[in-house]
């Protein structure tokens, strides 16, 4: 298990959000998106602060073995239970997900 990282802005513990491939390259006027196809992608781990919303990006393999295949989670505003971000209601108390 990795050491918990603290947010540099507000000091709360950062949460693993997702692992993503960020597209490299740029779109040009003459060649269009050809530069994107040839540039590839950068594997990054995205962490977020639940307090201030700050996002931090780390090299993708830095998070190997840490929930990389799971969905981002949200804490229920009513009871505090953590559940998958895409659930419309809290599975514990039935409160609405504030992100819907």
PDB file of N, CA and C in Angstrom:
ATOM      1  N   UNK A   1       0.837  -1.181   0.000  1.00  0.00           N
ATOM      2  CA  UNK A   1       0.000   0.000   0.000  1.00  0.00           C
ATOM      3  C   UNK A   1       0.882   1.244   0.000  1.00  0.00           C
ATOM      4  N   UNK A   2       0.546   2.197  -0.822  1.00  0.00           N
ATOM      5  CA  UNK A   2       1.308   3.434  -0.930  1.00  0.00           C
ATOM      6  C   UNK A   2       1.032   4.368   0.237  1.00  0.00           C
ATOM      7  N   UNK A   3       1.998   5.224   0.480  1.00  0.00           N
ATOM      8  CA  UNK A   3       1.830   6.281   1.479  1.00  0.00           C
ATOM      9  C   UNK A   3       0.734   7.233   0.991  1.00  0.00           C
ATOM     10  N   UNK A   4      -0.130   7.670   1.885  1.00  0.00           N
ATOM     11  CA  UNK A   4      -1.207   8.597   1.521  1.00  0.00           C
ATOM     12  C   UNK A   4      -0.620   9.973   1.239  1.00  0.00           C
ATOM     13  N   UNK A   5      -0.998  10.561   0.126  1.00  0.00           N
ATOM     14  CA  UNK A   5      -0.515  11.886  -0.246  1.00  0.00           C
ATOM     15  C   UNK A   5      -1.482  12.942   0.256  1.00  0.00           C
ATOM     16  N   UNK A   6      -0.949  14.048   0.708  1.00  0.00           N
ATOM     17  CA  UNK A   6      -1.754  15.170   1.193  1.00  0.00           C
ATOM     18  C   UNK A   6      -1.834  16.237   0.108  1.00  0.00           C
ATOM     19  N   UNK A   7      -2.984  16.891   0.030  1.00  0.00           N
ATOM     20  CA  UNK A   7      -3.185  17.977  -0.921  1.00  0.00           C
ATOM     21  C   UNK A   7      -2.268  19.150  -0.557  1.00  0.00           C
ATOM     22  N   UNK A   8      -1.601  19.711  -1.535  1.00  0.00           N
ATOM     23  CA  UNK A   8      -0.702  20.831  -1.281  1.00  0.00           C
ATOM     24  C   UNK A   8      -1.461  22.120  -1.006  1.00  0.00           C
ATOM     25  N   UNK A   9      -2.734  22.173  -1.385  1.00  0.00           N
ATOM     26  CA  UNK A   9      -3.529  23.383  -1.171  1.00  0.00           C
ATOM     27  C   UNK A   9      -4.196  23.393   0.200  1.00  0.00           C
ATOM     28  N   UNK A  10      -4.936  22.296   0.544  1.00  0.00           N
ATOM     29  CA  UNK A  10      -5.725  22.327   1.781  1.00  0.00           C
ATOM     30  C   UNK A  10      -5.304  21.278   2.813  1.00  0.00           C
ATOM     31  N   UNK A  11      -4.431  20.336   2.446  1.00  0.00           N
ATOM     32  CA  UNK A  11      -3.907  19.377   3.405  1.00  0.00           C
ATOM     33  C   UNK A  11      -4.710  18.105   3.592  1.00  0.00           C
ATOM     34  N   UNK A  12      -5.857  17.955   2.892  1.00  0.00           N
ATOM     35  CA  UNK A  12      -6.632  16.720   3.021  1.00  0.00           C
ATOM     36  C   UNK A  12      -5.951  15.593   2.251  1.00  0.00           C
ATOM     37  N   UNK A  13      -6.318  14.348   2.567  1.00  0.00           N
ATOM     38  CA  UNK A  13      -5.718  13.192   1.904  1.00  0.00           C
ATOM     39  C   UNK A  13      -6.262  13.065   0.477  1.00  0.00           C
ATOM     40  N   UNK A  14      -5.364  12.939  -0.493  1.00  0.00           N
ATOM     41  CA  UNK A  14      -5.751  12.794  -1.899  1.00  0.00           C
ATOM     42  C   UNK A  14      -6.361  11.414  -2.116  1.00  0.00           C
ATOM     43  N   UNK A  15      -7.340  11.328  -3.034  1.00  0.00           N
ATOM     44  CA  UNK A  15      -8.003  10.072  -3.377  1.00  0.00           C
ATOM     45  C   UNK A  15      -7.632   9.677  -4.796  1.00  0.00           C
ATOM     46  N   UNK A  16      -7.401   8.372  -4.998  1.00  0.00           N
ATOM     47  CA  UNK A  16      -7.180   7.873  -6.352  1.00  0.00           C
ATOM     48  C   UNK A  16      -8.485   8.007  -7.114  1.00  0.00           C
ATOM     49  N   UNK A  17      -8.466   8.649  -8.278  1.00  0.00           N
ATOM     50  CA  UNK A  17      -9.658   8.847  -9.077  1.00  0.00           C
ATOM     51  C   UNK A  17      -9.716   7.858 -10.225  1.00  0.00           C
ATOM     52  N   UNK A  18      -8.669   7.798 -11.028  1.00  0.00           N
ATOM     53  CA  UNK A  18      -8.654   6.890 -12.167  1.00  0.00           C
ATOM     54  C   UNK A  18      -7.261   6.819 -12.771  1.00  0.00           C
ATOM     55  N   UNK A  19      -7.087   5.834 -13.613  1.00  0.00           N
ATOM     56  CA  UNK A  19      -5.875   5.726 -14.423  1.00  0.00           C
ATOM     57  C   UNK A  19      -6.314   5.924 -15.857  1.00  0.00           C
ATOM     58  N   UNK A  20      -5.646   6.784 -16.587  1.00  0.00           N
ATOM     59  CA  UNK A  20      -6.113   7.208 -17.896  1.00  0.00           C
ATOM     60  C   UNK A  20      -4.939   7.360 -18.860  1.00  0.00           C
ATOM     61  N   UNK A  21      -5.223   7.208 -20.145  1.00  0.00           N
ATOM     62  CA  UNK A  21      -4.248   7.501 -21.190  1.00  0.00           C
ATOM     63  C   UNK A  21      -4.579   8.871 -21.755  1.00  0.00           C
ATOM     64  N   UNK A  22      -3.658   9.814 -21.634  1.00  0.00           N
ATOM     65  CA  UNK A  22      -3.861  11.164 -22.144  1.00  0.00           C
ATOM     66  C   UNK A  22      -3.217  11.251 -23.523  1.00  0.00           C
ATOM     67  N   UNK A  23      -4.005  11.704 -24.485  1.00  0.00           N
ATOM     68  CA  UNK A  23      -3.544  11.788 -25.873  1.00  0.00           C
ATOM     69  C   UNK A  23      -2.462  12.849 -26.022  1.00  0.00           C
ATOM     70  N   UNK A  24      -1.366  12.494 -26.685  1.00  0.00           N
ATOM     71  CA  UNK A  24      -0.289  13.428 -26.975  1.00  0.00           C
ATOM     72  C   UNK A  24      -0.423  13.905 -28.413  1.00  0.00           C
ATOM     73  N   UNK A  25       0.283  14.939 -28.777  1.00  0.00           N
ATOM     74  CA  UNK A  25       0.221  15.469 -30.130  1.00  0.00           C
ATOM     75  C   UNK A  25      -0.723  16.647 -30.203  1.00  0.00           C
ATOM     76  N   UNK A  26      -0.927  17.134 -31.414  1.00  0.00           N
ATOM     77  CA  UNK A  26      -1.839  18.253 -31.600  1.00  0.00           C
ATOM     78  C   UNK A  26      -2.444  18.189 -32.998  1.00  0.00           C
ATOM     79  N   UNK A  27      -3.552  18.855 -33.156  1.00  0.00           N
ATOM     80  CA  UNK A  27      -4.237  18.902 -34.447  1.00  0.00           C
ATOM     81  C   UNK A  27      -3.648  20.032 -35.271  1.00  0.00           C
ATOM     82  N   UNK A  28      -3.334  19.733 -36.504  1.00  0.00           N
ATOM     83  CA  UNK A  28      -2.768  20.744 -37.390  1.00  0.00           C
ATOM     84  C   UNK A  28      -3.730  21.109 -38.506  1.00  0.00           C
ATOM     85  N   UNK A  29      -3.474  22.219 -39.155  1.00  0.00           N
ATOM     86  CA  UNK A  29      -4.346  22.700 -40.216  1.00  0.00           C
ATOM     87  C   UNK A  29      -4.208  21.841 -41.468  1.00  0.00           C
ATOM     88  N   UNK A  30      -3.007  21.422 -41.801  1.00  0.00           N
ATOM     89  CA  UNK A  30      -2.763  20.659 -43.023  1.00  0.00           C
ATOM     90  C   UNK A  30      -2.969  19.160 -42.810  1.00  0.00           C
ATOM     91  N   UNK A  31      -2.381  18.600 -41.767  1.00  0.00           N
ATOM     92  CA  UNK A  31      -2.422  17.154 -41.551  1.00  0.00           C
ATOM     93  C   UNK A  31      -3.544  16.717 -40.615  1.00  0.00           C
ATOM     94  N   UNK A  32      -4.298  17.637 -40.075  1.00  0.00           N
ATOM     95  CA  UNK A  32      -5.418  17.283 -39.197  1.00  0.00           C
ATOM     96  C   UNK A  32      -4.962  16.556 -37.946  1.00  0.00           C
ATOM     97  N   UNK A  33      -5.557  15.392 -37.670  1.00  0.00           N
ATOM     98  CA  UNK A  33      -5.244  14.624 -36.461  1.00  0.00           C
ATOM     99  C   UNK A  33      -4.133  13.605 -36.660  1.00  0.00           C
ATOM    100  N   UNK A  34      -3.449  13.615 -37.780  1.00  0.00           N
ATOM    101  CA  UNK A  34      -2.386  12.649 -38.039  1.00  0.00           C
ATOM    102  C   UNK A  34      -1.297  12.718 -36.959  1.00  0.00           C
ATOM    103  N   UNK A  35      -0.997  13.910 -36.480  1.00  0.00           N
ATOM    104  CA  UNK A  35      -0.002  14.063 -35.421  1.00  0.00           C
ATOM    105  C   UNK A  35      -0.404  13.330 -34.145  1.00  0.00           C
ATOM    106  N   UNK A  36      -1.703  13.313 -33.828  1.00  0.00           N
ATOM    107  CA  UNK A  36      -2.193  12.595 -32.656  1.00  0.00           C
ATOM    108  C   UNK A  36      -1.987  11.098 -32.803  1.00  0.00           C
ATOM    109  N   UNK A  37      -2.237  10.569 -33.976  1.00  0.00           N
ATOM    110  CA  UNK A  37      -2.089   9.134 -34.202  1.00  0.00           C
ATOM    111  C   UNK A  37      -0.642   8.684 -34.045  1.00  0.00           C
ATOM    112  N   UNK A  38       0.275   9.517 -34.447  1.00  0.00           N
ATOM    113  CA  UNK A  38       1.680   9.145 -34.405  1.00  0.00           C
ATOM    114  C   UNK A  38       2.323   9.430 -33.049  1.00  0.00           C
ATOM    115  N   UNK A  39       1.745  10.329 -32.249  1.00  0.00           N
ATOM    116  CA  UNK A  39       2.357  10.725 -30.981  1.00  0.00           C
ATOM    117  C   UNK A  39       2.095   9.723 -29.865  1.00  0.00           C
ATOM    118  N   UNK A  40       0.978   9.008 -29.911  1.00  0.00           N
ATOM    119  CA  UNK A  40       0.662   8.050 -28.863  1.00  0.00           C
ATOM    120  C   UNK A  40      -0.026   8.703 -27.683  1.00  0.00           C
ATOM    121  N   UNK A  41       0.069   8.042 -26.526  1.00  0.00           N
ATOM    122  CA  UNK A  41      -0.612   8.532 -25.327  1.00  0.00           C
ATOM    123  C   UNK A  41       0.291   8.369 -24.115  1.00  0.00           C
ATOM    124  N   UNK A  42      -0.006   9.137 -23.086  1.00  0.00           N
ATOM    125  CA  UNK A  42       0.742   9.099 -21.841  1.00  0.00           C
ATOM    126  C   UNK A  42      -0.127   8.462 -20.771  1.00  0.00           C
ATOM    127  N   UNK A  43       0.362   7.404 -20.130  1.00  0.00           N
ATOM    128  CA  UNK A  43      -0.357   6.703 -19.070  1.00  0.00           C
ATOM    129  C   UNK A  43      -0.172   7.479 -17.770  1.00  0.00           C
ATOM    130  N   UNK A  44      -1.285   7.958 -17.181  1.00  0.00           N
ATOM    131  CA  UNK A  44      -1.207   8.726 -15.941  1.00  0.00           C
ATOM    132  C   UNK A  44      -2.193   8.198 -14.908  1.00  0.00           C
ATOM    133  N   UNK A  45      -1.852   8.374 -13.639  1.00  0.00           N
ATOM    134  CA  UNK A  45      -2.759   8.121 -12.523  1.00  0.00           C
ATOM    135  C   UNK A  45      -3.251   9.488 -12.064  1.00  0.00           C
ATOM    136  N   UNK A  46      -4.574   9.630 -11.913  1.00  0.00           N
ATOM    137  CA  UNK A  46      -5.171  10.901 -11.528  1.00  0.00           C
ATOM    138  C   UNK A  46      -5.640  10.797 -10.076  1.00  0.00           C
ATOM    139  N   UNK A  47      -5.183  11.720  -9.233  1.00  0.00           N
ATOM    140  CA  UNK A  47      -5.623  11.797  -7.841  1.00  0.00           C
ATOM    141  C   UNK A  47      -6.356  13.112  -7.655  1.00  0.00           C
ATOM    142  N   UNK A  48      -7.373  13.108  -6.773  1.00  0.00           N
ATOM    143  CA  UNK A  48      -8.104  14.341  -6.519  1.00  0.00           C
ATOM    144  C   UNK A  48      -8.266  14.570  -5.029  1.00  0.00           C
ATOM    145  N   UNK A  49      -8.387  15.838  -4.680  1.00  0.00           N
ATOM    146  CA  UNK A  49      -8.607  16.224  -3.287  1.00  0.00           C
ATOM    147  C   UNK A  49     -10.118  16.348  -3.061  1.00  0.00           C
ATOM    148  N   UNK A  50     -10.682  15.648  -2.063  1.00  0.00           N
ATOM    149  CA  UNK A  50     -12.113  15.754  -1.803  1.00  0.00           C
ATOM    150  C   UNK A  50     -12.503  17.102  -1.196  1.00  0.00           C
ATOM    151  N   UNK A  51     -11.535  17.835  -0.686  1.00  0.00           N
ATOM    152  CA  UNK A  51     -11.828  19.118  -0.057  1.00  0.00           C
ATOM    153  C   UNK A  51     -11.914  20.272  -1.045  1.00  0.00           C
ATOM    154  N   UNK A  52     -10.863  20.462  -1.840  1.00  0.00           N
ATOM    155  CA  UNK A  52     -10.804  21.629  -2.724  1.00  0.00           C
ATOM    156  C   UNK A  52     -10.922  21.283  -4.204  1.00  0.00           C
ATOM    157  N   UNK A  53     -10.911  19.994  -4.547  1.00  0.00           N
ATOM    158  CA  UNK A  53     -11.074  19.597  -5.943  1.00  0.00           C
ATOM    159  C   UNK A  53      -9.801  19.610  -6.764  1.00  0.00           C
ATOM    160  N   UNK A  54      -8.672  19.853  -6.148  1.00  0.00           N
ATOM    161  CA  UNK A  54      -7.394  19.871  -6.867  1.00  0.00           C
ATOM    162  C   UNK A  54      -7.139  18.508  -7.503  1.00  0.00           C
ATOM    163  N   UNK A  55      -6.634  18.478  -8.731  1.00  0.00           N
ATOM    164  CA  UNK A  55      -6.242  17.251  -9.410  1.00  0.00           C
ATOM    165  C   UNK A  55      -4.724  17.210  -9.514  1.00  0.00           C
ATOM    166  N   UNK A  56      -4.163  16.021  -9.328  1.00  0.00           N
ATOM    167  CA  UNK A  56      -2.733  15.811  -9.527  1.00  0.00           C
ATOM    168  C   UNK A  56      -2.547  14.602 -10.416  1.00  0.00           C
ATOM    169  N   UNK A  57      -1.568  14.673 -11.297  1.00  0.00           N
ATOM    170  CA  UNK A  57      -1.280  13.608 -12.242  1.00  0.00           C
ATOM    171  C   UNK A  57       0.080  12.998 -11.922  1.00  0.00           C
ATOM    172  N   UNK A  58       0.134  11.664 -11.932  1.00  0.00           N
ATOM    173  CA  UNK A  58       1.366  10.942 -11.669  1.00  0.00           C
ATOM    174  C   UNK A  58       1.579   9.924 -12.774  1.00  0.00           C
ATOM    175  N   UNK A  59       2.806   9.522 -12.973  1.00  0.00           N
ATOM    176  CA  UNK A  59       3.140   8.488 -13.943  1.00  0.00           C
ATOM    177  C   UNK A  59       2.276   7.265 -13.656  1.00  0.00           C
ATOM    178  N   UNK A  60       1.669   6.690 -14.694  1.00  0.00           N
ATOM    179  CA  UNK A  60       0.699   5.616 -14.525  1.00  0.00           C
ATOM    180  C   UNK A  60       1.192   4.422 -13.743  1.00  0.00           C
ATOM    181  N   UNK A  61       2.420   3.978 -13.978  1.00  0.00           N
ATOM    182  CA  UNK A  61       2.905   2.792 -13.279  1.00  0.00           C
ATOM    183  C   UNK A  61       3.220   3.076 -11.810  1.00  0.00           C
ATOM    184  N   UNK A  62       3.188   4.331 -11.392  1.00  0.00           N
ATOM    185  CA  UNK A  62       3.372   4.683  -9.986  1.00  0.00           C
ATOM    186  C   UNK A  62       2.257   4.076  -9.135  1.00  0.00           C
ATOM    187  N   UNK A  63       1.073   3.884  -9.736  1.00  0.00           N
ATOM    188  CA  UNK A  63      -0.082   3.367  -9.010  1.00  0.00           C
ATOM    189  C   UNK A  63      -0.322   1.878  -9.282  1.00  0.00           C
ATOM    190  N   UNK A  64       0.620   1.174  -9.851  1.00  0.00           N
ATOM    191  CA  UNK A  64       0.402  -0.246 -10.145  1.00  0.00           C
ATOM    192  C   UNK A  64      -0.095  -0.998  -8.925  1.00  0.00           C
ATOM    193  N   UNK A  65      -1.159  -1.757  -9.122  1.00  0.00           N
ATOM    194  CA  UNK A  65      -1.726  -2.549  -8.049  1.00  0.00           C
ATOM    195  C   UNK A  65      -2.657  -1.792  -7.125  1.00  0.00           C
ATOM    196  N   UNK A  66      -2.983  -0.547  -7.432  1.00  0.00           N
ATOM    197  CA  UNK A  66      -3.834   0.253  -6.554  1.00  0.00           C
ATOM    198  C   UNK A  66      -5.162   0.589  -7.236  1.00  0.00           C
ATOM    199  N   UNK A  67      -6.143  -0.278  -7.175  1.00  0.00           N
ATOM    200  CA  UNK A  67      -7.503  -0.020  -7.642  1.00  0.00           C
ATOM    201  C   UNK A  67      -7.585   0.535  -9.046  1.00  0.00           C
ATOM    202  N   UNK A  68      -6.663   0.205  -9.921  1.00  0.00           N
ATOM    203  CA  UNK A  68      -6.675   0.817 -11.237  1.00  0.00           C
ATOM    204  C   UNK A  68      -7.851   0.363 -12.098  1.00  0.00           C
ATOM    205  N   UNK A  69      -8.461  -0.763 -11.781  1.00  0.00           N
ATOM    206  CA  UNK A  69      -9.567  -1.244 -12.592  1.00  0.00           C
ATOM    207  C   UNK A  69     -10.927  -0.876 -12.014  1.00  0.00           C
ATOM    208  N   UNK A  70     -10.978  -0.167 -10.898  1.00  0.00           N
ATOM    209  CA  UNK A  70     -12.255   0.176 -10.288  1.00  0.00           C
ATOM    210  C   UNK A  70     -12.726   1.555 -10.740  1.00  0.00           C
ATOM    211  N   UNK A  71     -13.994   1.807 -10.529  1.00  0.00           N
ATOM    212  CA  UNK A  71     -14.574   3.098 -10.872  1.00  0.00           C
ATOM    213  C   UNK A  71     -14.236   4.126  -9.804  1.00  0.00           C
ATOM    214  N   UNK A  72     -14.223   5.406 -10.178  1.00  0.00           N
ATOM    215  CA  UNK A  72     -14.065   6.438  -9.160  1.00  0.00           C
ATOM    216  C   UNK A  72     -15.216   6.347  -8.160  1.00  0.00           C
ATOM    217  N   UNK A  73     -14.984   6.768  -6.935  1.00  0.00           N
ATOM    218  CA  UNK A  73     -16.016   6.667  -5.912  1.00  0.00           C
ATOM    219  C   UNK A  73     -16.379   8.035  -5.353  1.00  0.00           C
ATOM    220  N   UNK A  74     -17.553   8.086  -4.743  1.00  0.00           N
ATOM    221  CA  UNK A  74     -18.068   9.291  -4.127  1.00  0.00           C
ATOM    222  C   UNK A  74     -18.542   8.930  -2.718  1.00  0.00           C
ATOM    223  N   UNK A  75     -18.464   9.887  -1.805  1.00  0.00           N
ATOM    224  CA  UNK A  75     -18.966   9.673  -0.447  1.00  0.00           C
ATOM    225  C   UNK A  75     -20.393  10.196  -0.359  1.00  0.00           C
ATOM    226  N   UNK A  76     -21.265   9.428   0.251  1.00  0.00           N
ATOM    227  CA  UNK A  76     -22.662   9.825   0.427  1.00  0.00           C
ATOM    228  C   UNK A  76     -22.721  11.041   1.360  1.00  0.00           C
ATOM    229  N   UNK A  77     -23.434  12.113   0.951  1.00  0.00           N
ATOM    230  CA  UNK A  77     -23.522  13.290   1.814  1.00  0.00           C
ATOM    231  C   UNK A  77     -24.362  13.039   3.068  1.00  0.00           C
ATOM    232  N   UNK A  78     -25.225  12.022   3.038  1.00  0.00           N
ATOM    233  CA  UNK A  78     -26.091  11.749   4.185  1.00  0.00           C
ATOM    234  C   UNK A  78     -25.436  10.840   5.222  1.00  0.00           C
ATOM    235  N   UNK A  79     -24.849   9.713   4.751  1.00  0.00           N
ATOM    236  CA  UNK A  79     -24.322   8.735   5.720  1.00  0.00           C
ATOM    237  C   UNK A  79     -22.811   8.531   5.639  1.00  0.00           C
ATOM    238  N   UNK A  80     -22.152   9.052   4.603  1.00  0.00           N
ATOM    239  CA  UNK A  80     -20.703   8.960   4.494  1.00  0.00           C
ATOM    240  C   UNK A  80     -20.168   7.693   3.851  1.00  0.00           C
ATOM    241  N   UNK A  81     -21.030   6.757   3.461  1.00  0.00           N
ATOM    242  CA  UNK A  81     -20.583   5.520   2.818  1.00  0.00           C
ATOM    243  C   UNK A  81     -20.019   5.839   1.436  1.00  0.00           C
ATOM    244  N   UNK A  82     -18.900   5.208   1.085  1.00  0.00           N
ATOM    245  CA  UNK A  82     -18.314   5.404  -0.245  1.00  0.00           C
ATOM    246  C   UNK A  82     -18.876   4.369  -1.204  1.00  0.00           C
ATOM    247  N   UNK A  83     -19.243   4.814  -2.405  1.00  0.00           N
ATOM    248  CA  UNK A  83     -19.782   3.913  -3.423  1.00  0.00           C
ATOM    249  C   UNK A  83     -19.384   4.413  -4.808  1.00  0.00           C
ATOM    250  N   UNK A  84     -19.569   3.558  -5.826  1.00  0.00           N
ATOM    251  CA  UNK A  84     -19.161   3.908  -7.187  1.00  0.00           C
ATOM    252  C   UNK A  84     -19.854   5.176  -7.663  1.00  0.00           C
ATOM    253  N   UNK A  85     -19.092   6.008  -8.362  1.00  0.00           N
ATOM    254  CA  UNK A  85     -19.521   7.317  -8.827  1.00  0.00           C
ATOM    255  C   UNK A  85     -20.771   7.256  -9.702  1.00  0.00           C
ATOM    256  N   UNK A  86     -20.971   6.153 -10.445  1.00  0.00           N
ATOM    257  CA  UNK A  86     -22.081   6.088 -11.396  1.00  0.00           C
ATOM    258  C   UNK A  86     -23.394   5.570 -10.806  1.00  0.00           C
ATOM    259  N   UNK A  87     -23.446   5.269  -9.500  1.00  0.00           N
ATOM    260  CA  UNK A  87     -24.703   4.864  -8.860  1.00  0.00           C
ATOM    261  C   UNK A  87     -25.565   6.115  -8.648  1.00  0.00           C
ATOM    262  N   UNK A  88     -26.833   6.084  -9.019  1.00  0.00           N
ATOM    263  CA  UNK A  88     -27.677   7.271  -8.827  1.00  0.00           C
ATOM    264  C   UNK A  88     -28.070   7.504  -7.363  1.00  0.00           C
ATOM    265  N   UNK A  89     -28.053   6.436  -6.543  1.00  0.00           N
ATOM    266  CA  UNK A  89     -28.427   6.546  -5.130  1.00  0.00           C
ATOM    267  C   UNK A  89     -27.440   5.778  -4.259  1.00  0.00           C
ATOM    268  N   UNK A  90     -27.310   6.196  -3.018  1.00  0.00           N
ATOM    269  CA  UNK A  90     -26.452   5.510  -2.060  1.00  0.00           C
ATOM    270  C   UNK A  90     -27.021   4.117  -1.781  1.00  0.00           C
ATOM    271  N   UNK A  91     -26.205   3.057  -1.884  1.00  0.00           N
ATOM    272  CA  UNK A  91     -26.706   1.716  -1.621  1.00  0.00           C
ATOM    273  C   UNK A  91     -27.033   1.484  -0.144  1.00  0.00           C
ATOM    274  N   UNK A  92     -26.511   2.299   0.752  1.00  0.00           N
ATOM    275  CA  UNK A  92     -26.754   2.099   2.190  1.00  0.00           C
ATOM    276  C   UNK A  92     -28.031   2.805   2.669  1.00  0.00           C
ATOM    277  N   UNK A  93     -28.190   4.080   2.315  1.00  0.00           N
ATOM    278  CA  UNK A  93     -29.326   4.831   2.855  1.00  0.00           C
ATOM    279  C   UNK A  93     -30.320   5.308   1.804  1.00  0.00           C
ATOM    280  N   UNK A  94     -29.961   5.215   0.512  1.00  0.00           N
ATOM    281  CA  UNK A  94     -30.880   5.609  -0.558  1.00  0.00           C
ATOM    282  C   UNK A  94     -30.846   7.077  -0.909  1.00  0.00           C
ATOM    283  N   UNK A  95     -29.947   7.863  -0.319  1.00  0.00           N
ATOM    284  CA  UNK A  95     -29.850   9.294  -0.645  1.00  0.00           C
ATOM    285  C   UNK A  95     -29.368   9.458  -2.083  1.00  0.00           C
ATOM    286  N   UNK A  96     -29.831  10.512  -2.735  1.00  0.00           N
ATOM    287  CA  UNK A  96     -29.451  10.791  -4.130  1.00  0.00           C
ATOM    288  C   UNK A  96     -27.969  11.120  -4.229  1.00  0.00           C
ATOM    289  N   UNK A  97     -27.350  10.645  -5.316  1.00  0.00           N
ATOM    290  CA  UNK A  97     -25.965  10.983  -5.621  1.00  0.00           C
ATOM    291  C   UNK A  97     -25.949  12.450  -6.069  1.00  0.00           C
ATOM    292  N   UNK A  98     -25.185  13.329  -5.432  1.00  0.00           N
ATOM    293  CA  UNK A  98     -25.192  14.748  -5.786  1.00  0.00           C
ATOM    294  C   UNK A  98     -24.625  15.023  -7.172  1.00  0.00           C
ATOM    295  N   UNK A  99     -23.987  14.045  -7.807  1.00  0.00           N
ATOM    296  CA  UNK A  99     -23.384  14.248  -9.123  1.00  0.00           C
ATOM    297  C   UNK A  99     -24.347  13.952 -10.267  1.00  0.00           C
ATOM    298  N   UNK A 100     -25.577  13.532  -9.958  1.00  0.00           N
ATOM    299  CA  UNK A 100     -26.552  13.248 -11.006  1.00  0.00           C
ATOM    300  C   UNK A 100     -27.494  14.388 -11.181  1.00  0.00           C
TER     301      UNK A 100
END
